[in-house]
Amino acid sequence: MKQIEENGYAVVLNGEGMQIVHKYGIACYKKTCKVVYGR
């Protein structure tokens, strides 16, 4: 999520007319995965 904010990916999509942007962060290590959602 930090990387999405720092790189401004959501801002670019909003500038192209997207009104709602769903942000997902996915991290995997060995057999464990974590998913984080933000809007």
N, C-alpha and C. Protein backbone atom coordinates (compact mmCIF):
# COMPACT_ATOMS: atom_id res chain seq x y z
N MET A 1 0.83 -1.18 0.00
CA MET A 1 0.00 0.00 0.00
C MET A 1 0.88 1.25 0.00
N LYS A 2 1.96 1.17 0.75
CA LYS A 2 2.88 2.31 0.80
C LYS A 2 3.42 2.64 -0.59
N GLN A 3 3.77 1.61 -1.34
CA GLN A 3 4.31 1.81 -2.68
C GLN A 3 3.27 2.41 -3.62
N ILE A 4 2.03 2.02 -3.48
CA ILE A 4 0.96 2.59 -4.32
C ILE A 4 0.83 4.08 -4.06
N GLU A 5 0.87 4.48 -2.79
CA GLU A 5 0.76 5.89 -2.44
C GLU A 5 1.99 6.68 -2.87
N GLU A 6 3.18 6.14 -2.60
CA GLU A 6 4.42 6.86 -2.93
C GLU A 6 4.57 7.08 -4.43
N ASN A 7 4.18 6.13 -5.23
CA ASN A 7 4.33 6.24 -6.68
C ASN A 7 3.14 6.92 -7.36
N GLY A 8 2.08 7.20 -6.61
CA GLY A 8 0.95 7.96 -7.14
C GLY A 8 0.12 7.22 -8.18
N TYR A 9 0.08 5.90 -8.10
CA TYR A 9 -0.69 5.14 -9.08
C TYR A 9 -2.18 5.50 -9.05
N ALA A 10 -2.74 5.67 -7.88
CA ALA A 10 -4.17 6.00 -7.77
C ALA A 10 -4.44 7.39 -8.32
N VAL A 11 -3.52 8.32 -8.11
CA VAL A 11 -3.68 9.69 -8.61
C VAL A 11 -3.74 9.69 -10.14
N VAL A 12 -2.90 8.89 -10.76
CA VAL A 12 -2.90 8.78 -12.23
C VAL A 12 -4.24 8.27 -12.72
N LEU A 13 -4.77 7.23 -12.08
CA LEU A 13 -6.06 6.68 -12.49
C LEU A 13 -7.18 7.68 -12.27
N ASN A 14 -7.15 8.41 -11.16
CA ASN A 14 -8.16 9.44 -10.93
C ASN A 14 -8.09 10.52 -12.00
N GLY A 15 -6.88 10.87 -12.41
CA GLY A 15 -6.70 11.88 -13.45
C GLY A 15 -7.21 11.42 -14.81
N GLU A 16 -7.27 10.11 -15.02
CA GLU A 16 -7.78 9.57 -16.28
C GLU A 16 -9.28 9.31 -16.23
N GLY A 17 -9.94 9.76 -15.17
CA GLY A 17 -11.39 9.67 -15.12
C GLY A 17 -11.96 8.58 -14.23
N MET A 18 -11.12 7.77 -13.63
CA MET A 18 -11.61 6.73 -12.72
C MET A 18 -12.11 7.40 -11.44
N GLN A 19 -13.33 7.11 -11.05
CA GLN A 19 -13.89 7.72 -9.86
C GLN A 19 -13.62 6.90 -8.61
N ILE A 20 -13.60 5.59 -8.74
CA ILE A 20 -13.34 4.71 -7.60
C ILE A 20 -12.14 3.84 -7.95
N VAL A 21 -11.13 3.85 -7.08
CA VAL A 21 -9.94 3.03 -7.29
C VAL A 21 -9.80 2.09 -6.10
N HIS A 22 -9.78 0.80 -6.37
CA HIS A 22 -9.57 -0.20 -5.33
C HIS A 22 -8.09 -0.56 -5.33
N LYS A 23 -7.47 -0.49 -4.15
CA LYS A 23 -6.04 -0.77 -4.04
C LYS A 23 -5.83 -2.06 -3.27
N TYR A 24 -5.02 -2.95 -3.84
CA TYR A 24 -4.70 -4.23 -3.20
C TYR A 24 -3.19 -4.34 -3.07
N GLY A 25 -2.75 -4.80 -1.92
CA GLY A 25 -1.35 -5.14 -1.72
C GLY A 25 -1.26 -6.61 -1.40
N ILE A 26 -0.40 -7.32 -2.11
CA ILE A 26 -0.26 -8.77 -1.91
C ILE A 26 1.21 -9.08 -1.67
N ALA A 27 1.49 -9.76 -0.57
CA ALA A 27 2.85 -10.16 -0.24
C ALA A 27 2.86 -11.64 0.11
N CYS A 28 3.82 -12.36 -0.44
CA CYS A 28 3.95 -13.79 -0.15
C CYS A 28 5.36 -14.10 0.32
N TYR A 29 5.45 -14.98 1.30
CA TYR A 29 6.73 -15.45 1.80
C TYR A 29 6.58 -16.92 2.13
N LYS A 30 7.33 -17.75 1.44
CA LYS A 30 7.23 -19.20 1.56
C LYS A 30 5.79 -19.63 1.32
N LYS A 31 5.10 -20.19 2.29
CA LYS A 31 3.71 -20.63 2.08
C LYS A 31 2.70 -19.71 2.75
N THR A 32 3.12 -18.52 3.10
CA THR A 32 2.23 -17.56 3.76
C THR A 32 2.02 -16.36 2.85
N CYS A 33 0.77 -15.94 2.71
CA CYS A 33 0.45 -14.75 1.92
C CYS A 33 -0.41 -13.80 2.75
N LYS A 34 -0.24 -12.52 2.47
CA LYS A 34 -1.04 -11.50 3.14
C LYS A 34 -1.60 -10.57 2.07
N VAL A 35 -2.89 -10.28 2.18
CA VAL A 35 -3.55 -9.38 1.25
C VAL A 35 -4.10 -8.21 2.05
N VAL A 36 -3.81 -6.98 1.57
CA VAL A 36 -4.29 -5.77 2.22
C VAL A 36 -5.11 -5.00 1.20
N TYR A 37 -6.24 -4.48 1.63
CA TYR A 37 -7.15 -3.75 0.74
C TYR A 37 -7.32 -2.32 1.23
N GLY A 38 -7.33 -1.40 0.29
CA GLY A 38 -7.61 -0.01 0.62
C GLY A 38 -8.40 0.61 -0.51
N ARG A 39 -9.08 1.70 -0.20
CA ARG A 39 -9.90 2.35 -1.21
C ARG A 39 -9.57 3.81 -1.28
